[in-house]
């Protein structure tokens, strides 16, 4: 199991706790844990995320999209004791 606590890591354009698991046969899958607010924002800004991942996305577009996402997420209150869930 590997976890990524995006509340404290990354550029701030995404907030959530992602945990990657691996089955005995090597298949990996990820679970994303969100608050009601972060799930709403993730859904509302998903088009920005997808546009940034496109093969023809420029550095400028990626930076502009990240800035827009950061604006959404910076208004969210960090859940209590979330820092206890460290990245592995």
PDB file of N, CA and C in Angstrom:
ATOM      1  N   UNK A   1       0.847  -1.175   0.000  1.00  0.00           N
ATOM      2  CA  UNK A   1       0.000   0.000   0.000  1.00  0.00           C
ATOM      3  C   UNK A   1       0.894   1.240   0.000  1.00  0.00           C
ATOM      4  N   UNK A   2       0.499   2.217  -0.806  1.00  0.00           N
ATOM      5  CA  UNK A   2       1.183   3.491  -0.881  1.00  0.00           C
ATOM      6  C   UNK A   2       0.140   4.586  -0.753  1.00  0.00           C
ATOM      7  N   UNK A   3       0.452   5.631   0.000  1.00  0.00           N
ATOM      8  CA  UNK A   3      -0.505   6.723   0.130  1.00  0.00           C
ATOM      9  C   UNK A   3       0.134   8.041  -0.287  1.00  0.00           C
ATOM     10  N   UNK A   4      -0.705   8.943  -0.761  1.00  0.00           N
ATOM     11  CA  UNK A   4      -0.275  10.282  -1.117  1.00  0.00           C
ATOM     12  C   UNK A   4      -1.280  11.249  -0.517  1.00  0.00           C
ATOM     13  N   UNK A   5      -0.822  12.022   0.456  1.00  0.00           N
ATOM     14  CA  UNK A   5      -1.683  12.977   1.138  1.00  0.00           C
ATOM     15  C   UNK A   5      -1.539  14.333   0.453  1.00  0.00           C
ATOM     16  N   UNK A   6      -2.380  14.584  -0.530  1.00  0.00           N
ATOM     17  CA  UNK A   6      -2.291  15.804  -1.327  1.00  0.00           C
ATOM     18  C   UNK A   6      -2.761  17.042  -0.571  1.00  0.00           C
ATOM     19  N   UNK A   7      -3.180  16.883   0.660  1.00  0.00           N
ATOM     20  CA  UNK A   7      -3.493  18.054   1.471  1.00  0.00           C
ATOM     21  C   UNK A   7      -2.220  18.814   1.812  1.00  0.00           C
ATOM     22  N   UNK A   8      -1.097  18.090   1.865  1.00  0.00           N
ATOM     23  CA  UNK A   8       0.163  18.701   2.285  1.00  0.00           C
ATOM     24  C   UNK A   8       1.280  18.549   1.267  1.00  0.00           C
ATOM     25  N   UNK A   9       1.043  17.836   0.196  1.00  0.00           N
ATOM     26  CA  UNK A   9       2.044  17.628  -0.855  1.00  0.00           C
ATOM     27  C   UNK A   9       1.484  18.127  -2.179  1.00  0.00           C
ATOM     28  N   UNK A  10       2.350  18.398  -3.113  1.00  0.00           N
ATOM     29  CA  UNK A  10       1.903  18.840  -4.425  1.00  0.00           C
ATOM     30  C   UNK A  10       1.814  20.356  -4.499  1.00  0.00           C
ATOM     31  N   UNK A  11       1.260  20.839  -5.584  1.00  0.00           N
ATOM     32  CA  UNK A  11       1.215  22.281  -5.832  1.00  0.00           C
ATOM     33  C   UNK A  11      -0.062  22.960  -5.337  1.00  0.00           C
ATOM     34  N   UNK A  12      -0.973  22.210  -4.722  1.00  0.00           N
ATOM     35  CA  UNK A  12      -2.210  22.789  -4.206  1.00  0.00           C
ATOM     36  C   UNK A  12      -3.367  22.770  -5.190  1.00  0.00           C
ATOM     37  N   UNK A  13      -3.131  22.192  -6.381  1.00  0.00           N
ATOM     38  CA  UNK A  13      -4.198  22.158  -7.388  1.00  0.00           C
ATOM     39  C   UNK A  13      -5.115  20.948  -7.207  1.00  0.00           C
ATOM     40  N   UNK A  14      -4.905  20.200  -6.143  1.00  0.00           N
ATOM     41  CA  UNK A  14      -5.733  19.030  -5.826  1.00  0.00           C
ATOM     42  C   UNK A  14      -5.611  18.780  -4.333  1.00  0.00           C
ATOM     43  N   UNK A  15      -6.710  18.475  -3.685  1.00  0.00           N
ATOM     44  CA  UNK A  15      -6.705  18.122  -2.269  1.00  0.00           C
ATOM     45  C   UNK A  15      -7.474  16.823  -2.106  1.00  0.00           C
ATOM     46  N   UNK A  16      -6.823  15.858  -1.524  1.00  0.00           N
ATOM     47  CA  UNK A  16      -7.437  14.567  -1.271  1.00  0.00           C
ATOM     48  C   UNK A  16      -6.386  13.630  -0.732  1.00  0.00           C
ATOM     49  N   UNK A  17      -6.809  12.475  -0.312  1.00  0.00           N
ATOM     50  CA  UNK A  17      -5.907  11.426   0.139  1.00  0.00           C
ATOM     51  C   UNK A  17      -6.072  10.265  -0.824  1.00  0.00           C
ATOM     52  N   UNK A  18      -5.001   9.922  -1.511  1.00  0.00           N
ATOM     53  CA  UNK A  18      -5.025   8.826  -2.486  1.00  0.00           C
ATOM     54  C   UNK A  18      -4.222   7.659  -1.934  1.00  0.00           C
ATOM     55  N   UNK A  19      -4.794   6.478  -2.008  1.00  0.00           N
ATOM     56  CA  UNK A  19      -4.129   5.277  -1.522  1.00  0.00           C
ATOM     57  C   UNK A  19      -4.111   4.245  -2.648  1.00  0.00           C
ATOM     58  N   UNK A  20      -2.920   3.735  -2.954  1.00  0.00           N
ATOM     59  CA  UNK A  20      -2.753   2.736  -4.010  1.00  0.00           C
ATOM     60  C   UNK A  20      -2.512   1.383  -3.364  1.00  0.00           C
ATOM     61  N   UNK A  21      -3.275   0.410  -3.789  1.00  0.00           N
ATOM     62  CA  UNK A  21      -3.157  -0.959  -3.307  1.00  0.00           C
ATOM     63  C   UNK A  21      -2.691  -1.853  -4.449  1.00  0.00           C
ATOM     64  N   UNK A  22      -2.120  -2.985  -4.102  1.00  0.00           N
ATOM     65  CA  UNK A  22      -1.717  -3.966  -5.108  1.00  0.00           C
ATOM     66  C   UNK A  22      -2.225  -5.341  -4.695  1.00  0.00           C
ATOM     67  N   UNK A  23      -2.879  -6.011  -5.632  1.00  0.00           N
ATOM     68  CA  UNK A  23      -3.393  -7.355  -5.369  1.00  0.00           C
ATOM     69  C   UNK A  23      -2.231  -8.349  -5.398  1.00  0.00           C
ATOM     70  N   UNK A  24      -2.436  -9.557  -4.918  1.00  0.00           N
ATOM     71  CA  UNK A  24      -1.374 -10.572  -4.973  1.00  0.00           C
ATOM     72  C   UNK A  24      -0.873 -10.869  -6.389  1.00  0.00           C
ATOM     73  N   UNK A  25      -1.709 -10.595  -7.402  1.00  0.00           N
ATOM     74  CA  UNK A  25      -1.280 -10.844  -8.785  1.00  0.00           C
ATOM     75  C   UNK A  25      -0.604  -9.625  -9.424  1.00  0.00           C
ATOM     76  N   UNK A  26      -0.458  -8.548  -8.663  1.00  0.00           N
ATOM     77  CA  UNK A  26       0.237  -7.373  -9.166  1.00  0.00           C
ATOM     78  C   UNK A  26      -0.643  -6.277  -9.725  1.00  0.00           C
ATOM     79  N   UNK A  27      -1.954  -6.481  -9.762  1.00  0.00           N
ATOM     80  CA  UNK A  27      -2.876  -5.449 -10.254  1.00  0.00           C
ATOM     81  C   UNK A  27      -2.944  -4.315  -9.230  1.00  0.00           C
ATOM     82  N   UNK A  28      -2.741  -3.097  -9.683  1.00  0.00           N
ATOM     83  CA  UNK A  28      -2.821  -1.949  -8.793  1.00  0.00           C
ATOM     84  C   UNK A  28      -4.146  -1.225  -8.981  1.00  0.00           C
ATOM     85  N   UNK A  29      -4.646  -0.663  -7.871  1.00  0.00           N
ATOM     86  CA  UNK A  29      -5.832   0.184  -7.949  1.00  0.00           C
ATOM     87  C   UNK A  29      -5.712   1.268  -6.891  1.00  0.00           C
ATOM     88  N   UNK A  30      -6.364   2.395  -7.176  1.00  0.00           N
ATOM     89  CA  UNK A  30      -6.264   3.562  -6.306  1.00  0.00           C
ATOM     90  C   UNK A  30      -7.626   3.939  -5.761  1.00  0.00           C
ATOM     91  N   UNK A  31      -7.650   4.291  -4.494  1.00  0.00           N
ATOM     92  CA  UNK A  31      -8.842   4.847  -3.860  1.00  0.00           C
ATOM     93  C   UNK A  31      -8.539   6.295  -3.516  1.00  0.00           C
ATOM     94  N   UNK A  32      -9.494   7.162  -3.797  1.00  0.00           N
ATOM     95  CA  UNK A  32      -9.360   8.569  -3.451  1.00  0.00           C
ATOM     96  C   UNK A  32     -10.357   8.880  -2.350  1.00  0.00           C
ATOM     97  N   UNK A  33      -9.858   9.507  -1.288  1.00  0.00           N
ATOM     98  CA  UNK A  33     -10.704   9.884  -0.164  1.00  0.00           C
ATOM     99  C   UNK A  33     -10.861  11.398  -0.179  1.00  0.00           C
ATOM    100  N   UNK A  34     -12.122  11.843  -0.188  1.00  0.00           N
ATOM    101  CA  UNK A  34     -12.431  13.261  -0.280  1.00  0.00           C
ATOM    102  C   UNK A  34     -13.407  13.673   0.811  1.00  0.00           C
ATOM    103  N   UNK A  35     -13.405  14.970   1.075  1.00  0.00           N
ATOM    104  CA  UNK A  35     -14.481  15.557   1.855  1.00  0.00           C
ATOM    105  C   UNK A  35     -15.587  15.910   0.853  1.00  0.00           C
ATOM    106  N   UNK A  36     -16.715  16.296   1.357  1.00  0.00           N
ATOM    107  CA  UNK A  36     -17.810  16.702   0.468  1.00  0.00           C
ATOM    108  C   UNK A  36     -17.354  17.853  -0.439  1.00  0.00           C
ATOM    109  N   UNK A  37     -16.610  18.811   0.143  1.00  0.00           N
ATOM    110  CA  UNK A  37     -16.144  19.966  -0.624  1.00  0.00           C
ATOM    111  C   UNK A  37     -15.102  19.581  -1.674  1.00  0.00           C
ATOM    112  N   UNK A  38     -14.136  18.754  -1.298  1.00  0.00           N
ATOM    113  CA  UNK A  38     -13.082  18.415  -2.260  1.00  0.00           C
ATOM    114  C   UNK A  38     -13.630  17.572  -3.399  1.00  0.00           C
ATOM    115  N   UNK A  39     -14.605  16.736  -3.118  1.00  0.00           N
ATOM    116  CA  UNK A  39     -15.200  15.944  -4.198  1.00  0.00           C
ATOM    117  C   UNK A  39     -15.950  16.855  -5.175  1.00  0.00           C
ATOM    118  N   UNK A  40     -16.648  17.837  -4.632  1.00  0.00           N
ATOM    119  CA  UNK A  40     -17.363  18.799  -5.489  1.00  0.00           C
ATOM    120  C   UNK A  40     -16.370  19.552  -6.381  1.00  0.00           C
ATOM    121  N   UNK A  41     -15.295  20.043  -5.783  1.00  0.00           N
ATOM    122  CA  UNK A  41     -14.300  20.795  -6.553  1.00  0.00           C
ATOM    123  C   UNK A  41     -13.613  19.906  -7.573  1.00  0.00           C
ATOM    124  N   UNK A  42     -13.255  18.693  -7.183  1.00  0.00           N
ATOM    125  CA  UNK A  42     -12.622  17.754  -8.115  1.00  0.00           C
ATOM    126  C   UNK A  42     -13.525  17.537  -9.328  1.00  0.00           C
ATOM    127  N   UNK A  43     -14.800  17.405  -9.090  1.00  0.00           N
ATOM    128  CA  UNK A  43     -15.760  17.205 -10.174  1.00  0.00           C
ATOM    129  C   UNK A  43     -15.879  18.452 -11.045  1.00  0.00           C
ATOM    130  N   UNK A  44     -15.980  19.614 -10.409  1.00  0.00           N
ATOM    131  CA  UNK A  44     -16.139  20.868 -11.148  1.00  0.00           C
ATOM    132  C   UNK A  44     -14.904  21.246 -11.965  1.00  0.00           C
ATOM    133  N   UNK A  45     -13.723  20.857 -11.509  1.00  0.00           N
ATOM    134  CA  UNK A  45     -12.485  21.261 -12.189  1.00  0.00           C
ATOM    135  C   UNK A  45     -11.859  20.127 -12.996  1.00  0.00           C
ATOM    136  N   UNK A  46     -12.561  19.039 -13.155  1.00  0.00           N
ATOM    137  CA  UNK A  46     -11.988  17.890 -13.856  1.00  0.00           C
ATOM    138  C   UNK A  46     -11.619  18.225 -15.300  1.00  0.00           C
ATOM    139  N   UNK A  47     -12.370  19.096 -15.934  1.00  0.00           N
ATOM    140  CA  UNK A  47     -12.042  19.481 -17.305  1.00  0.00           C
ATOM    141  C   UNK A  47     -10.690  20.199 -17.382  1.00  0.00           C
ATOM    142  N   UNK A  48     -10.350  20.981 -16.368  1.00  0.00           N
ATOM    143  CA  UNK A  48      -9.035  21.637 -16.319  1.00  0.00           C
ATOM    144  C   UNK A  48      -7.924  20.599 -16.199  1.00  0.00           C
ATOM    145  N   UNK A  49      -8.155  19.608 -15.336  1.00  0.00           N
ATOM    146  CA  UNK A  49      -7.187  18.520 -15.148  1.00  0.00           C
ATOM    147  C   UNK A  49      -6.973  17.764 -16.458  1.00  0.00           C
ATOM    148  N   UNK A  50      -8.048  17.413 -17.124  1.00  0.00           N
ATOM    149  CA  UNK A  50      -7.942  16.656 -18.381  1.00  0.00           C
ATOM    150  C   UNK A  50      -7.252  17.488 -19.471  1.00  0.00           C
ATOM    151  N   UNK A  51      -7.572  18.770 -19.551  1.00  0.00           N
ATOM    152  CA  UNK A  51      -6.938  19.631 -20.555  1.00  0.00           C
ATOM    153  C   UNK A  51      -5.428  19.719 -20.311  1.00  0.00           C
ATOM    154  N   UNK A  52      -5.026  19.723 -19.055  1.00  0.00           N
ATOM    155  CA  UNK A  52      -3.599  19.787 -18.716  1.00  0.00           C
ATOM    156  C   UNK A  52      -2.863  18.500 -19.049  1.00  0.00           C
ATOM    157  N   UNK A  53      -3.574  17.404 -19.081  1.00  0.00           N
ATOM    158  CA  UNK A  53      -2.959  16.104 -19.383  1.00  0.00           C
ATOM    159  C   UNK A  53      -2.874  15.829 -20.881  1.00  0.00           C
ATOM    160  N   UNK A  54      -3.544  16.625 -21.684  1.00  0.00           N
ATOM    161  CA  UNK A  54      -3.566  16.404 -23.134  1.00  0.00           C
ATOM    162  C   UNK A  54      -2.153  16.500 -23.708  1.00  0.00           C
ATOM    163  N   UNK A  55      -1.914  15.717 -24.731  1.00  0.00           N
ATOM    164  CA  UNK A  55      -0.586  15.663 -25.350  1.00  0.00           C
ATOM    165  C   UNK A  55      -0.147  17.028 -25.871  1.00  0.00           C
ATOM    166  N   UNK A  56      -1.083  17.853 -26.303  1.00  0.00           N
ATOM    167  CA  UNK A  56      -0.733  19.159 -26.868  1.00  0.00           C
ATOM    168  C   UNK A  56      -0.798  20.301 -25.848  1.00  0.00           C
ATOM    169  N   UNK A  57      -0.936  19.978 -24.553  1.00  0.00           N
ATOM    170  CA  UNK A  57      -1.025  21.013 -23.522  1.00  0.00           C
ATOM    171  C   UNK A  57       0.322  21.722 -23.359  1.00  0.00           C
ATOM    172  N   UNK A  58       0.288  23.040 -23.432  1.00  0.00           N
ATOM    173  CA  UNK A  58       1.515  23.825 -23.268  1.00  0.00           C
ATOM    174  C   UNK A  58       1.798  24.047 -21.780  1.00  0.00           C
ATOM    175  N   UNK A  59       3.015  24.452 -21.474  1.00  0.00           N
ATOM    176  CA  UNK A  59       3.371  24.785 -20.088  1.00  0.00           C
ATOM    177  C   UNK A  59       2.492  25.911 -19.573  1.00  0.00           C
ATOM    178  N   UNK A  60       2.196  26.862 -20.426  1.00  0.00           N
ATOM    179  CA  UNK A  60       1.366  27.996 -20.040  1.00  0.00           C
ATOM    180  C   UNK A  60      -0.057  27.564 -19.693  1.00  0.00           C
ATOM    181  N   UNK A  61      -0.618  26.669 -20.510  1.00  0.00           N
ATOM    182  CA  UNK A  61      -1.963  26.161 -20.227  1.00  0.00           C
ATOM    183  C   UNK A  61      -1.973  25.384 -18.918  1.00  0.00           C
ATOM    184  N   UNK A  62      -0.978  24.534 -18.725  1.00  0.00           N
ATOM    185  CA  UNK A  62      -0.897  23.757 -17.485  1.00  0.00           C
ATOM    186  C   UNK A  62      -0.820  24.675 -16.272  1.00  0.00           C
ATOM    187  N   UNK A  63       0.012  25.719 -16.360  1.00  0.00           N
ATOM    188  CA  UNK A  63       0.157  26.655 -15.245  1.00  0.00           C
ATOM    189  C   UNK A  63      -1.144  27.412 -14.986  1.00  0.00           C
ATOM    190  N   UNK A  64      -1.816  27.845 -16.044  1.00  0.00           N
ATOM    191  CA  UNK A  64      -3.082  28.572 -15.899  1.00  0.00           C
ATOM    192  C   UNK A  64      -4.156  27.684 -15.278  1.00  0.00           C
ATOM    193  N   UNK A  65      -4.238  26.440 -15.719  1.00  0.00           N
ATOM    194  CA  UNK A  65      -5.231  25.514 -15.165  1.00  0.00           C
ATOM    195  C   UNK A  65      -4.941  25.198 -13.710  1.00  0.00           C
ATOM    196  N   UNK A  66      -3.667  24.980 -13.376  1.00  0.00           N
ATOM    197  CA  UNK A  66      -3.296  24.712 -11.982  1.00  0.00           C
ATOM    198  C   UNK A  66      -3.661  25.902 -11.105  1.00  0.00           C
ATOM    199  N   UNK A  67      -3.405  27.113 -11.581  1.00  0.00           N
ATOM    200  CA  UNK A  67      -3.741  28.316 -10.812  1.00  0.00           C
ATOM    201  C   UNK A  67      -5.245  28.394 -10.543  1.00  0.00           C
ATOM    202  N   UNK A  68      -6.052  28.059 -11.528  1.00  0.00           N
ATOM    203  CA  UNK A  68      -7.512  28.064 -11.347  1.00  0.00           C
ATOM    204  C   UNK A  68      -7.927  27.030 -10.300  1.00  0.00           C
ATOM    205  N   UNK A  69      -7.328  25.837 -10.369  1.00  0.00           N
ATOM    206  CA  UNK A  69      -7.670  24.791  -9.417  1.00  0.00           C
ATOM    207  C   UNK A  69      -7.237  25.187  -8.001  1.00  0.00           C
ATOM    208  N   UNK A  70      -6.071  25.791  -7.888  1.00  0.00           N
ATOM    209  CA  UNK A  70      -5.578  26.226  -6.579  1.00  0.00           C
ATOM    210  C   UNK A  70      -6.554  27.212  -5.948  1.00  0.00           C
ATOM    211  N   UNK A  71      -7.101  28.113  -6.740  1.00  0.00           N
ATOM    212  CA  UNK A  71      -8.065  29.090  -6.222  1.00  0.00           C
ATOM    213  C   UNK A  71      -9.280  28.392  -5.604  1.00  0.00           C
ATOM    214  N   UNK A  72      -9.756  27.344  -6.240  1.00  0.00           N
ATOM    215  CA  UNK A  72     -10.887  26.586  -5.685  1.00  0.00           C
ATOM    216  C   UNK A  72     -10.511  25.942  -4.348  1.00  0.00           C
ATOM    217  N   UNK A  73      -9.375  25.264  -4.328  1.00  0.00           N
ATOM    218  CA  UNK A  73      -8.996  24.473  -3.157  1.00  0.00           C
ATOM    219  C   UNK A  73      -8.517  25.298  -1.968  1.00  0.00           C
ATOM    220  N   UNK A  74      -7.984  26.478  -2.203  1.00  0.00           N
ATOM    221  CA  UNK A  74      -7.406  27.239  -1.095  1.00  0.00           C
ATOM    222  C   UNK A  74      -8.461  27.731  -0.108  1.00  0.00           C
ATOM    223  N   UNK A  75      -9.718  27.687  -0.474  1.00  0.00           N
ATOM    224  CA  UNK A  75     -10.801  28.144   0.402  1.00  0.00           C
ATOM    225  C   UNK A  75     -11.283  27.051   1.358  1.00  0.00           C
ATOM    226  N   UNK A  76     -10.768  25.847   1.199  1.00  0.00           N
ATOM    227  CA  UNK A  76     -11.257  24.710   1.986  1.00  0.00           C
ATOM    228  C   UNK A  76     -10.505  24.582   3.302  1.00  0.00           C
ATOM    229  N   UNK A  77     -11.246  24.326   4.343  1.00  0.00           N
ATOM    230  CA  UNK A  77     -10.667  24.096   5.665  1.00  0.00           C
ATOM    231  C   UNK A  77     -10.071  22.679   5.704  1.00  0.00           C
ATOM    232  N   UNK A  78      -8.865  22.571   6.232  1.00  0.00           N
ATOM    233  CA  UNK A  78      -8.201  21.263   6.347  1.00  0.00           C
ATOM    234  C   UNK A  78      -8.874  20.455   7.461  1.00  0.00           C
ATOM    235  N   UNK A  79      -9.293  19.224   7.171  1.00  0.00           N
ATOM    236  CA  UNK A  79      -9.924  18.395   8.202  1.00  0.00           C
ATOM    237  C   UNK A  79      -8.988  18.156   9.394  1.00  0.00           C
ATOM    238  N   UNK A  80      -9.561  18.109  10.557  1.00  0.00           N
ATOM    239  CA  UNK A  80      -8.817  17.887  11.798  1.00  0.00           C
ATOM    240  C   UNK A  80      -8.045  16.563  11.736  1.00  0.00           C
ATOM    241  N   UNK A  81      -6.821  16.579  12.238  1.00  0.00           N
ATOM    242  CA  UNK A  81      -5.943  15.408  12.361  1.00  0.00           C
ATOM    243  C   UNK A  81      -5.526  14.791  11.035  1.00  0.00           C
ATOM    244  N   UNK A  82      -5.776  15.451   9.933  1.00  0.00           N
ATOM    245  CA  UNK A  82      -5.412  14.895   8.629  1.00  0.00           C
ATOM    246  C   UNK A  82      -3.902  14.750   8.484  1.00  0.00           C
ATOM    247  N   UNK A  83      -3.147  15.597   9.142  1.00  0.00           N
ATOM    248  CA  UNK A  83      -1.687  15.551   9.046  1.00  0.00           C
ATOM    249  C   UNK A  83      -1.152  14.226   9.601  1.00  0.00           C
ATOM    250  N   UNK A  84      -1.931  13.547  10.410  1.00  0.00           N
ATOM    251  CA  UNK A  84      -1.496  12.245  10.949  1.00  0.00           C
ATOM    252  C   UNK A  84      -1.339  11.204   9.867  1.00  0.00           C
ATOM    253  N   UNK A  85      -1.986  11.379   8.736  1.00  0.00           N
ATOM    254  CA  UNK A  85      -1.895  10.441   7.617  1.00  0.00           C
ATOM    255  C   UNK A  85      -0.737  10.859   6.716  1.00  0.00           C
ATOM    256  N   UNK A  86       0.421  10.352   6.992  1.00  0.00           N
ATOM    257  CA  UNK A  86       1.632  10.724   6.260  1.00  0.00           C
ATOM    258  C   UNK A  86       1.739   9.973   4.954  1.00  0.00           C
ATOM    259  N   UNK A  87       2.491  10.542   4.005  1.00  0.00           N
ATOM    260  CA  UNK A  87       2.771   9.867   2.738  1.00  0.00           C
ATOM    261  C   UNK A  87       3.677   8.662   2.985  1.00  0.00           C
ATOM    262  N   UNK A  88       3.462   7.622   2.242  1.00  0.00           N
ATOM    263  CA  UNK A  88       4.334   6.440   2.298  1.00  0.00           C
ATOM    264  C   UNK A  88       4.859   6.150   0.928  1.00  0.00           C
TER     265      UNK A  88
END
